Amino acid sequence: MFPPNSIAAVFVTATLALPLGAQVKPSEYASVSQTVDGTVITVDYSRPQVRGRRDVFGKIVPAGDVWTPGANWATTLEVSKPIRLQDRELAAGKYSMWMVTGPGDWTVYLHRNPRLFHTNPPKVGDMLLSFTIRPTEGEHTELLTFDFPRVAPDSTTLRFRWATSALSMDIVTRATQPLTGAKQ
């Protein structure tokens, strides 16, 4: 048996050894960036996890509700130069990203204010840009993820994945110079 003072000393030592703020957040911050022909495209977001929950789209994210694809502060899309996103013109800038899911097509929205909290979405009528897109079914993705699975000289695909749903959004940049070695 340990003397009472030694148990208290071990507890205090172990507690002090933990760095403040070392607790893992349920939705850690992430950022992904891709440069295409001099245009920098960046997505900043928090990454919620599925954690065994069923019916993420329908229960966790109710169909028809406006939500940010992430957690905490709204997911943002920032572009350093004008682009075309799903065939829609988008000026250089930083925008908050929102979605409305459904049993068929989903709607993706961008809002001018990039600094909005996820529990206070803007009204659909106040959105700057919107487009509908059909999600695809894919392999399970535990952590909500954005990536760029395809990069070409003047375009890329921005992909969103979470649970078994995926959305691929086409981005086209404005060519700034002819490609080296390209046929004219």
N, C-alpha and C. Protein backbone atom coordinates (compact mmCIF):
# COMPACT_ATOMS: atom_id res chain seq x y z
N MET A 1 0.84 -1.17 0.00
CA MET A 1 0.00 0.00 0.00
C MET A 1 0.89 1.23 0.00
N PHE A 2 0.50 2.22 -0.81
CA PHE A 2 1.25 3.47 -0.88
C PHE A 2 0.75 4.43 0.19
N PRO A 3 1.66 5.20 0.74
CA PRO A 3 1.22 6.23 1.69
C PRO A 3 0.33 7.24 0.97
N PRO A 4 -0.69 7.82 1.62
CA PRO A 4 -1.63 8.73 0.98
C PRO A 4 -0.95 9.89 0.27
N ASN A 5 0.13 10.42 0.83
CA ASN A 5 0.82 11.56 0.20
C ASN A 5 1.46 11.18 -1.13
N SER A 6 1.93 9.93 -1.28
CA SER A 6 2.58 9.53 -2.54
C SER A 6 1.56 9.39 -3.66
N ILE A 7 0.35 8.94 -3.35
CA ILE A 7 -0.70 8.83 -4.37
C ILE A 7 -1.07 10.24 -4.86
N ALA A 8 -1.23 11.15 -3.93
CA ALA A 8 -1.56 12.53 -4.30
C ALA A 8 -0.44 13.14 -5.14
N ALA A 9 0.82 12.85 -4.80
CA ALA A 9 1.95 13.39 -5.56
C ALA A 9 1.96 12.84 -6.98
N VAL A 10 1.67 11.55 -7.15
CA VAL A 10 1.61 10.96 -8.49
C VAL A 10 0.49 11.60 -9.30
N PHE A 11 -0.67 11.79 -8.69
CA PHE A 11 -1.81 12.40 -9.39
C PHE A 11 -1.48 13.83 -9.82
N VAL A 12 -0.93 14.63 -8.93
CA VAL A 12 -0.58 16.01 -9.25
C VAL A 12 0.48 16.05 -10.34
N THR A 13 1.49 15.20 -10.25
CA THR A 13 2.56 15.16 -11.26
C THR A 13 1.99 14.77 -12.62
N ALA A 14 1.14 13.76 -12.65
CA ALA A 14 0.55 13.31 -13.91
C ALA A 14 -0.35 14.39 -14.50
N THR A 15 -1.10 15.09 -13.68
CA THR A 15 -1.98 16.15 -14.15
C THR A 15 -1.18 17.31 -14.70
N LEU A 16 -0.12 17.70 -14.03
CA LEU A 16 0.70 18.81 -14.50
C LEU A 16 1.47 18.47 -15.76
N ALA A 17 1.71 17.19 -16.00
CA ALA A 17 2.46 16.77 -17.18
C ALA A 17 1.65 16.93 -18.46
N LEU A 18 0.31 17.00 -18.34
CA LEU A 18 -0.52 17.17 -19.53
C LEU A 18 -0.48 18.62 -19.97
N PRO A 19 -0.14 18.90 -21.23
CA PRO A 19 -0.13 20.28 -21.68
C PRO A 19 -1.55 20.84 -21.72
N LEU A 20 -1.67 22.11 -21.40
CA LEU A 20 -2.98 22.75 -21.47
C LEU A 20 -3.45 22.76 -22.91
N GLY A 21 -4.72 22.49 -23.11
CA GLY A 21 -5.28 22.51 -24.45
C GLY A 21 -4.90 21.31 -25.29
N ALA A 22 -4.38 20.26 -24.68
CA ALA A 22 -3.93 19.10 -25.44
C ALA A 22 -5.07 18.16 -25.81
N GLN A 23 -6.26 18.43 -25.33
CA GLN A 23 -7.38 17.57 -25.63
C GLN A 23 -7.69 17.63 -27.11
N VAL A 24 -7.92 16.48 -27.71
CA VAL A 24 -8.24 16.41 -29.13
C VAL A 24 -9.66 16.92 -29.32
N LYS A 25 -9.84 17.82 -30.27
CA LYS A 25 -11.17 18.35 -30.57
C LYS A 25 -11.93 17.33 -31.40
N PRO A 26 -13.26 17.30 -31.26
CA PRO A 26 -14.04 16.36 -32.07
C PRO A 26 -13.99 16.67 -33.57
N SER A 27 -13.71 17.92 -33.92
CA SER A 27 -13.63 18.34 -35.32
C SER A 27 -12.41 19.22 -35.50
N GLU A 28 -11.28 18.61 -35.78
CA GLU A 28 -10.02 19.33 -35.92
C GLU A 28 -10.01 20.20 -37.18
N TYR A 29 -9.28 21.32 -37.11
CA TYR A 29 -9.11 22.25 -38.23
C TYR A 29 -8.24 21.59 -39.31
N ALA A 30 -8.58 21.89 -40.57
CA ALA A 30 -7.77 21.42 -41.69
C ALA A 30 -7.77 22.48 -42.78
N SER A 31 -6.79 22.39 -43.65
CA SER A 31 -6.70 23.29 -44.79
C SER A 31 -6.10 22.52 -45.95
N VAL A 32 -6.63 22.74 -47.14
CA VAL A 32 -6.07 22.13 -48.34
C VAL A 32 -5.99 23.22 -49.40
N SER A 33 -4.89 23.21 -50.15
CA SER A 33 -4.66 24.26 -51.12
C SER A 33 -4.07 23.67 -52.39
N GLN A 34 -4.43 24.26 -53.52
CA GLN A 34 -3.91 23.83 -54.80
C GLN A 34 -3.68 25.06 -55.66
N THR A 35 -2.54 25.13 -56.32
CA THR A 35 -2.27 26.20 -57.27
C THR A 35 -2.46 25.65 -58.67
N VAL A 36 -3.23 26.39 -59.47
CA VAL A 36 -3.48 26.02 -60.86
C VAL A 36 -3.22 27.25 -61.71
N ASP A 37 -2.19 27.20 -62.53
CA ASP A 37 -1.81 28.30 -63.42
C ASP A 37 -1.74 29.63 -62.67
N GLY A 38 -1.11 29.61 -61.50
CA GLY A 38 -0.92 30.82 -60.72
C GLY A 38 -2.09 31.21 -59.84
N THR A 39 -3.20 30.50 -59.93
CA THR A 39 -4.37 30.77 -59.09
C THR A 39 -4.31 29.84 -57.89
N VAL A 40 -4.28 30.41 -56.69
CA VAL A 40 -4.25 29.62 -55.46
C VAL A 40 -5.68 29.42 -54.99
N ILE A 41 -6.05 28.16 -54.79
CA ILE A 41 -7.39 27.78 -54.34
C ILE A 41 -7.23 27.10 -52.99
N THR A 42 -7.88 27.64 -51.95
CA THR A 42 -7.71 27.13 -50.59
C THR A 42 -9.06 26.88 -49.94
N VAL A 43 -9.18 25.74 -49.29
CA VAL A 43 -10.36 25.42 -48.49
C VAL A 43 -9.90 25.25 -47.05
N ASP A 44 -10.52 26.02 -46.14
CA ASP A 44 -10.26 25.90 -44.70
C ASP A 44 -11.54 25.38 -44.06
N TYR A 45 -11.40 24.37 -43.19
CA TYR A 45 -12.59 23.73 -42.63
C TYR A 45 -12.23 22.95 -41.38
N SER A 46 -13.25 22.57 -40.64
CA SER A 46 -13.07 21.65 -39.51
C SER A 46 -13.62 20.31 -39.94
N ARG A 47 -13.03 19.23 -39.41
CA ARG A 47 -13.29 17.87 -39.91
C ARG A 47 -14.08 17.02 -38.92
N PRO A 48 -15.40 17.08 -38.95
CA PRO A 48 -16.16 16.17 -38.08
C PRO A 48 -15.94 14.72 -38.50
N GLN A 49 -16.19 13.83 -37.57
CA GLN A 49 -16.03 12.40 -37.81
C GLN A 49 -17.40 11.72 -37.81
N VAL A 50 -17.50 10.62 -38.52
CA VAL A 50 -18.74 9.85 -38.53
C VAL A 50 -18.95 9.18 -37.16
N ARG A 51 -17.90 8.64 -36.57
CA ARG A 51 -17.93 8.00 -35.25
C ARG A 51 -19.05 6.98 -35.10
N GLY A 52 -19.25 6.16 -36.11
CA GLY A 52 -20.23 5.08 -36.03
C GLY A 52 -21.67 5.50 -36.22
N ARG A 53 -21.93 6.79 -36.41
CA ARG A 53 -23.31 7.24 -36.59
C ARG A 53 -23.84 6.80 -37.95
N ARG A 54 -25.07 6.42 -37.98
CA ARG A 54 -25.70 5.98 -39.23
C ARG A 54 -26.50 7.14 -39.84
N ASP A 55 -26.70 7.04 -41.12
CA ASP A 55 -27.52 8.04 -41.82
C ASP A 55 -27.03 9.46 -41.56
N VAL A 56 -25.75 9.70 -41.83
CA VAL A 56 -25.19 11.04 -41.63
C VAL A 56 -26.03 12.06 -42.39
N PHE A 57 -26.29 11.79 -43.67
CA PHE A 57 -27.10 12.70 -44.47
C PHE A 57 -28.55 12.23 -44.39
N GLY A 58 -29.31 12.96 -43.63
CA GLY A 58 -30.70 12.63 -43.37
C GLY A 58 -31.01 12.77 -41.89
N LYS A 59 -30.04 12.37 -41.03
CA LYS A 59 -30.24 12.50 -39.58
C LYS A 59 -29.28 13.53 -38.98
N ILE A 60 -27.97 13.31 -39.11
CA ILE A 60 -26.99 14.26 -38.56
C ILE A 60 -27.08 15.58 -39.33
N VAL A 61 -27.14 15.49 -40.64
CA VAL A 61 -27.35 16.65 -41.51
C VAL A 61 -28.74 16.47 -42.13
N PRO A 62 -29.76 17.11 -41.54
CA PRO A 62 -31.13 16.92 -42.05
C PRO A 62 -31.28 17.42 -43.48
N ALA A 63 -31.96 16.64 -44.30
CA ALA A 63 -32.22 17.03 -45.69
C ALA A 63 -33.01 18.34 -45.68
N GLY A 64 -32.62 19.25 -46.56
CA GLY A 64 -33.31 20.52 -46.68
C GLY A 64 -32.77 21.63 -45.78
N ASP A 65 -31.93 21.30 -44.80
CA ASP A 65 -31.34 22.32 -43.93
C ASP A 65 -30.07 22.88 -44.54
N VAL A 66 -29.84 24.18 -44.35
CA VAL A 66 -28.59 24.81 -44.79
C VAL A 66 -27.53 24.50 -43.74
N TRP A 67 -26.41 23.93 -44.16
CA TRP A 67 -25.31 23.60 -43.24
C TRP A 67 -23.98 23.86 -43.93
N THR A 68 -22.96 24.09 -43.14
CA THR A 68 -21.63 24.24 -43.71
C THR A 68 -20.98 22.87 -43.75
N PRO A 69 -20.31 22.51 -44.83
CA PRO A 69 -19.68 21.18 -44.90
C PRO A 69 -18.44 21.14 -44.02
N GLY A 70 -18.66 20.98 -42.76
CA GLY A 70 -17.62 20.98 -41.75
C GLY A 70 -18.24 21.19 -40.39
N ALA A 71 -17.53 21.87 -39.53
CA ALA A 71 -18.03 22.15 -38.18
C ALA A 71 -17.40 23.46 -37.71
N ASN A 72 -17.87 23.92 -36.56
CA ASN A 72 -17.34 25.13 -35.94
C ASN A 72 -17.57 26.33 -36.86
N TRP A 73 -16.51 27.07 -37.23
CA TRP A 73 -16.68 28.18 -38.16
C TRP A 73 -16.97 27.63 -39.54
N ALA A 74 -17.69 28.39 -40.34
CA ALA A 74 -18.06 27.94 -41.69
C ALA A 74 -16.83 27.58 -42.50
N THR A 75 -16.97 26.56 -43.30
CA THR A 75 -15.93 26.18 -44.25
C THR A 75 -15.78 27.34 -45.24
N THR A 76 -14.53 27.65 -45.61
CA THR A 76 -14.31 28.74 -46.55
C THR A 76 -13.59 28.25 -47.81
N LEU A 77 -13.92 28.91 -48.90
CA LEU A 77 -13.22 28.73 -50.17
C LEU A 77 -12.61 30.07 -50.51
N GLU A 78 -11.30 30.08 -50.73
CA GLU A 78 -10.60 31.31 -51.09
C GLU A 78 -9.88 31.10 -52.42
N VAL A 79 -10.03 32.06 -53.32
CA VAL A 79 -9.35 32.00 -54.62
C VAL A 79 -8.60 33.31 -54.82
N SER A 80 -7.35 33.19 -55.28
CA SER A 80 -6.51 34.38 -55.43
C SER A 80 -6.77 35.15 -56.71
N LYS A 81 -7.44 34.51 -57.67
CA LYS A 81 -7.79 35.14 -58.95
C LYS A 81 -9.19 34.66 -59.33
N PRO A 82 -9.85 35.35 -60.26
CA PRO A 82 -11.19 34.89 -60.68
C PRO A 82 -11.13 33.48 -61.27
N ILE A 83 -12.19 32.71 -61.02
CA ILE A 83 -12.30 31.34 -61.54
C ILE A 83 -13.72 31.12 -62.06
N ARG A 84 -13.92 29.95 -62.64
CA ARG A 84 -15.27 29.45 -62.94
C ARG A 84 -15.45 28.21 -62.07
N LEU A 85 -16.48 28.22 -61.24
CA LEU A 85 -16.82 27.10 -60.36
C LEU A 85 -18.13 26.52 -60.85
N GLN A 86 -18.10 25.28 -61.32
CA GLN A 86 -19.28 24.64 -61.89
C GLN A 86 -19.94 25.56 -62.92
N ASP A 87 -19.13 26.15 -63.78
CA ASP A 87 -19.58 27.01 -64.88
C ASP A 87 -20.17 28.35 -64.43
N ARG A 88 -19.86 28.75 -63.20
CA ARG A 88 -20.30 30.05 -62.70
C ARG A 88 -19.09 30.91 -62.37
N GLU A 89 -19.14 32.17 -62.78
CA GLU A 89 -18.04 33.10 -62.52
C GLU A 89 -17.94 33.39 -61.03
N LEU A 90 -16.71 33.38 -60.51
CA LEU A 90 -16.46 33.71 -59.12
C LEU A 90 -15.24 34.62 -59.05
N ALA A 91 -15.42 35.80 -58.47
CA ALA A 91 -14.33 36.76 -58.34
C ALA A 91 -13.32 36.28 -57.30
N ALA A 92 -12.11 36.79 -57.39
CA ALA A 92 -11.10 36.50 -56.36
C ALA A 92 -11.66 36.93 -55.01
N GLY A 93 -11.39 36.15 -53.97
CA GLY A 93 -11.87 36.50 -52.64
C GLY A 93 -12.03 35.27 -51.78
N LYS A 94 -12.56 35.50 -50.58
CA LYS A 94 -12.79 34.43 -49.61
C LYS A 94 -14.27 34.38 -49.29
N TYR A 95 -14.85 33.18 -49.35
CA TYR A 95 -16.29 32.99 -49.21
C TYR A 95 -16.58 31.84 -48.23
N SER A 96 -17.69 31.95 -47.51
CA SER A 96 -18.13 30.80 -46.71
C SER A 96 -18.91 29.87 -47.63
N MET A 97 -18.80 28.56 -47.35
CA MET A 97 -19.44 27.54 -48.17
C MET A 97 -20.56 26.88 -47.38
N TRP A 98 -21.69 26.67 -48.04
CA TRP A 98 -22.87 26.08 -47.43
C TRP A 98 -23.47 25.06 -48.39
N MET A 99 -24.23 24.12 -47.86
CA MET A 99 -24.89 23.12 -48.70
C MET A 99 -26.28 22.84 -48.15
N VAL A 100 -27.13 22.38 -49.07
CA VAL A 100 -28.42 21.81 -48.69
C VAL A 100 -28.46 20.43 -49.33
N THR A 101 -28.58 19.41 -48.49
CA THR A 101 -28.61 18.04 -48.99
C THR A 101 -30.05 17.63 -49.24
N GLY A 102 -30.19 16.58 -49.98
CA GLY A 102 -31.52 16.05 -50.26
C GLY A 102 -31.40 14.63 -50.76
N PRO A 103 -32.50 14.02 -51.03
CA PRO A 103 -32.44 12.65 -51.53
C PRO A 103 -31.91 12.57 -52.96
N GLY A 104 -31.95 13.67 -53.71
CA GLY A 104 -31.42 13.71 -55.07
C GLY A 104 -30.24 14.65 -55.14
N ASP A 105 -30.40 15.71 -55.93
CA ASP A 105 -29.35 16.71 -56.05
C ASP A 105 -29.16 17.48 -54.75
N TRP A 106 -27.94 17.94 -54.53
CA TRP A 106 -27.63 18.84 -53.43
C TRP A 106 -27.39 20.22 -54.04
N THR A 107 -27.55 21.26 -53.22
CA THR A 107 -27.24 22.61 -53.66
C THR A 107 -26.05 23.12 -52.85
N VAL A 108 -25.07 23.66 -53.57
CA VAL A 108 -23.89 24.25 -52.95
C VAL A 108 -24.03 25.76 -53.07
N TYR A 109 -23.76 26.47 -51.97
CA TYR A 109 -23.85 27.92 -51.93
C TYR A 109 -22.53 28.52 -51.47
N LEU A 110 -22.25 29.72 -51.96
CA LEU A 110 -21.15 30.54 -51.44
C LEU A 110 -21.76 31.85 -50.96
N HIS A 111 -21.27 32.31 -49.81
CA HIS A 111 -21.73 33.57 -49.23
C HIS A 111 -20.55 34.53 -49.12
N ARG A 112 -20.82 35.82 -49.27
CA ARG A 112 -19.75 36.84 -49.24
C ARG A 112 -19.02 36.90 -47.91
N ASN A 113 -19.71 36.62 -46.82
CA ASN A 113 -19.10 36.71 -45.49
C ASN A 113 -18.42 35.38 -45.15
N PRO A 114 -17.09 35.36 -45.09
CA PRO A 114 -16.40 34.10 -44.78
C PRO A 114 -16.39 33.76 -43.30
N ARG A 115 -16.72 34.71 -42.44
CA ARG A 115 -16.59 34.48 -40.99
C ARG A 115 -17.97 34.33 -40.35
N LEU A 116 -18.59 33.18 -40.59
CA LEU A 116 -19.89 32.86 -40.01
C LEU A 116 -19.77 31.55 -39.22
N PHE A 117 -20.50 31.46 -38.13
CA PHE A 117 -20.45 30.23 -37.33
C PHE A 117 -21.48 29.23 -37.87
N HIS A 118 -21.16 27.95 -37.77
CA HIS A 118 -21.96 26.91 -38.40
C HIS A 118 -23.41 26.86 -37.93
N THR A 119 -23.70 27.31 -36.72
CA THR A 119 -25.07 27.23 -36.20
C THR A 119 -25.91 28.44 -36.62
N ASN A 120 -25.32 29.37 -37.37
CA ASN A 120 -26.04 30.57 -37.79
C ASN A 120 -25.89 30.75 -39.30
N PRO A 121 -26.46 29.85 -40.10
CA PRO A 121 -26.28 29.96 -41.55
C PRO A 121 -27.02 31.17 -42.12
N PRO A 122 -26.48 31.72 -43.21
CA PRO A 122 -27.18 32.83 -43.86
C PRO A 122 -28.45 32.33 -44.57
N LYS A 123 -29.32 33.25 -44.90
CA LYS A 123 -30.53 32.90 -45.64
C LYS A 123 -30.15 32.57 -47.08
N VAL A 124 -30.87 31.62 -47.66
CA VAL A 124 -30.60 31.21 -49.03
C VAL A 124 -30.66 32.41 -49.98
N GLY A 125 -31.58 33.32 -49.76
CA GLY A 125 -31.72 34.49 -50.61
C GLY A 125 -30.54 35.44 -50.55
N ASP A 126 -29.70 35.31 -49.53
CA ASP A 126 -28.54 36.18 -49.37
C ASP A 126 -27.26 35.59 -49.95
N MET A 127 -27.35 34.41 -50.53
CA MET A 127 -26.15 33.75 -51.07
C MET A 127 -25.69 34.44 -52.34
N LEU A 128 -24.37 34.43 -52.55
CA LEU A 128 -23.77 35.05 -53.73
C LEU A 128 -23.87 34.15 -54.96
N LEU A 129 -23.67 32.87 -54.77
CA LEU A 129 -23.58 31.92 -55.88
C LEU A 129 -24.18 30.60 -55.44
N SER A 130 -24.82 29.91 -56.35
CA SER A 130 -25.35 28.58 -56.03
C SER A 130 -25.35 27.70 -57.27
N PHE A 131 -25.29 26.41 -57.04
CA PHE A 131 -25.42 25.44 -58.13
C PHE A 131 -25.86 24.11 -57.52
N THR A 132 -26.52 23.31 -58.32
CA THR A 132 -26.93 21.98 -57.86
C THR A 132 -25.98 20.95 -58.45
N ILE A 133 -25.82 19.90 -57.70
CA ILE A 133 -24.90 18.84 -58.11
C ILE A 133 -25.38 17.53 -57.48
N ARG A 134 -25.21 16.47 -58.19
CA ARG A 134 -25.63 15.16 -57.69
C ARG A 134 -24.46 14.50 -56.98
N PRO A 135 -24.65 14.11 -55.70
CA PRO A 135 -23.57 13.40 -55.01
C PRO A 135 -23.41 12.00 -55.56
N THR A 136 -22.23 11.45 -55.40
CA THR A 136 -21.99 10.06 -55.76
C THR A 136 -21.78 9.26 -54.49
N GLU A 137 -22.00 7.98 -54.60
CA GLU A 137 -21.77 7.05 -53.48
C GLU A 137 -20.36 6.52 -53.61
N GLY A 138 -19.63 6.49 -52.52
CA GLY A 138 -18.25 6.00 -52.57
C GLY A 138 -17.90 5.23 -51.33
N GLU A 139 -16.61 4.96 -51.20
CA GLU A 139 -16.15 4.24 -50.01
C GLU A 139 -16.29 5.14 -48.78
N HIS A 140 -16.40 4.52 -47.63
CA HIS A 140 -16.59 5.24 -46.38
C HIS A 140 -15.40 6.16 -46.10
N THR A 141 -15.69 7.42 -45.77
CA THR A 141 -14.68 8.39 -45.37
C THR A 141 -15.03 8.85 -43.96
N GLU A 142 -14.25 8.44 -42.98
CA GLU A 142 -14.54 8.72 -41.57
C GLU A 142 -14.49 10.22 -41.26
N LEU A 143 -13.44 10.89 -41.69
CA LEU A 143 -13.27 12.32 -41.45
C LEU A 143 -13.71 13.11 -42.67
N LEU A 144 -14.55 14.11 -42.48
CA LEU A 144 -14.95 14.97 -43.59
C LEU A 144 -13.68 15.48 -44.27
N THR A 145 -13.64 15.38 -45.59
CA THR A 145 -12.41 15.65 -46.33
C THR A 145 -12.68 16.45 -47.60
N PHE A 146 -11.84 17.44 -47.84
CA PHE A 146 -11.78 18.11 -49.13
C PHE A 146 -10.42 17.78 -49.74
N ASP A 147 -10.39 17.55 -51.05
CA ASP A 147 -9.12 17.32 -51.74
C ASP A 147 -9.24 17.72 -53.19
N PHE A 148 -8.13 17.65 -53.90
CA PHE A 148 -8.05 17.98 -55.32
C PHE A 148 -7.55 16.73 -56.04
N PRO A 149 -8.45 15.80 -56.41
CA PRO A 149 -7.99 14.53 -57.00
C PRO A 149 -7.52 14.65 -58.44
N ARG A 150 -7.87 15.76 -59.11
CA ARG A 150 -7.46 15.96 -60.50
C ARG A 150 -6.96 17.39 -60.65
N VAL A 151 -5.79 17.53 -61.24
CA VAL A 151 -5.24 18.85 -61.51
C VAL A 151 -4.71 18.85 -62.94
N ALA A 152 -5.19 19.80 -63.74
CA ALA A 152 -4.76 19.97 -65.13
C ALA A 152 -4.10 21.35 -65.25
N PRO A 153 -3.53 21.66 -66.40
CA PRO A 153 -2.85 22.96 -66.54
C PRO A 153 -3.75 24.18 -66.28
N ASP A 154 -5.05 24.08 -66.57
CA ASP A 154 -5.93 25.24 -66.38
C ASP A 154 -7.20 24.91 -65.60
N SER A 155 -7.23 23.77 -64.93
CA SER A 155 -8.44 23.39 -64.20
C SER A 155 -8.11 22.36 -63.11
N THR A 156 -9.08 22.16 -62.25
CA THR A 156 -8.94 21.16 -61.19
C THR A 156 -10.33 20.70 -60.76
N THR A 157 -10.36 19.69 -59.96
CA THR A 157 -11.60 19.23 -59.34
C THR A 157 -11.44 19.35 -57.83
N LEU A 158 -12.37 20.04 -57.20
CA LEU A 158 -12.43 20.12 -55.75
C LEU A 158 -13.45 19.08 -55.32
N ARG A 159 -13.01 18.14 -54.48
CA ARG A 159 -13.90 17.05 -54.06
C ARG A 159 -14.16 17.13 -52.56
N PHE A 160 -15.43 16.93 -52.20
CA PHE A 160 -15.88 16.82 -50.82
C PHE A 160 -16.27 15.37 -50.59
N ARG A 161 -15.82 14.78 -49.44
CA ARG A 161 -16.20 13.40 -49.09
C ARG A 161 -16.49 13.33 -47.60
N TRP A 162 -17.56 12.62 -47.26
CA TRP A 162 -17.86 12.32 -45.86
C TRP A 162 -18.86 11.19 -45.82
N ALA A 163 -18.67 10.28 -44.88
CA ALA A 163 -19.47 9.05 -44.78
C ALA A 163 -19.30 8.33 -46.12
N THR A 164 -20.37 8.09 -46.86
CA THR A 164 -20.23 7.43 -48.16
C THR A 164 -20.63 8.35 -49.30
N SER A 165 -20.76 9.66 -49.03
CA SER A 165 -21.15 10.62 -50.06
C SER A 165 -19.95 11.43 -50.53
N ALA A 166 -19.98 11.79 -51.81
CA ALA A 166 -18.93 12.62 -52.40
C ALA A 166 -19.54 13.59 -53.41
N LEU A 167 -18.97 14.77 -53.47
CA LEU A 167 -19.32 15.78 -54.48
C LEU A 167 -18.04 16.22 -55.16
N SER A 168 -18.06 16.27 -56.47
CA SER A 168 -16.90 16.76 -57.23
C SER A 168 -17.30 18.04 -57.95
N MET A 169 -16.56 19.12 -57.68
CA MET A 169 -16.86 20.43 -58.24
C MET A 169 -15.74 20.85 -59.19
N ASP A 170 -16.10 21.23 -60.41
CA ASP A 170 -15.12 21.61 -61.42
C ASP A 170 -14.73 23.08 -61.27
N ILE A 171 -13.43 23.34 -61.31
CA ILE A 171 -12.89 24.69 -61.25
C ILE A 171 -12.02 24.91 -62.48
N VAL A 172 -12.26 26.02 -63.18
CA VAL A 172 -11.47 26.38 -64.35
C VAL A 172 -10.85 27.75 -64.06
N THR A 173 -9.55 27.86 -64.29
CA THR A 173 -8.85 29.13 -64.08
C THR A 173 -8.78 29.87 -65.41
N ARG A 174 -8.40 31.12 -65.33
CA ARG A 174 -8.18 31.92 -66.53
C ARG A 174 -6.71 31.79 -66.90
N ALA A 175 -6.45 31.27 -68.07
CA ALA A 175 -5.06 31.06 -68.51
C ALA A 175 -4.31 32.38 -68.53
N THR A 176 -3.12 32.36 -67.94
CA THR A 176 -2.32 33.58 -67.90
C THR A 176 -1.20 33.56 -68.93
N GLN A 177 -0.80 32.36 -69.35
CA GLN A 177 0.27 32.27 -70.33
C GLN A 177 0.16 30.92 -71.04
N PRO A 178 0.63 30.87 -72.28
CA PRO A 178 0.57 29.59 -72.99
C PRO A 178 1.44 28.54 -72.28
N LEU A 179 1.03 27.30 -72.37
CA LEU A 179 1.79 26.21 -71.78
C LEU A 179 3.10 26.02 -72.53
N THR A 180 4.17 25.77 -71.79
CA THR A 180 5.45 25.50 -72.41
C THR A 180 5.35 24.19 -73.18
N GLY A 181 5.73 24.23 -74.42
CA GLY A 181 5.70 23.01 -75.23
C GLY A 181 4.32 22.69 -75.77
N ALA A 182 3.34 23.53 -75.52
CA ALA A 182 1.99 23.27 -76.00
C ALA A 182 1.92 23.61 -77.49
N LYS A 183 1.15 22.84 -78.21
CA LYS A 183 0.95 23.10 -79.65
C LYS A 183 0.03 24.29 -79.80
N GLN A 184 0.40 25.19 -80.67
CA GLN A 184 -0.41 26.41 -80.91
C GLN A 184 -1.36 26.21 -82.04
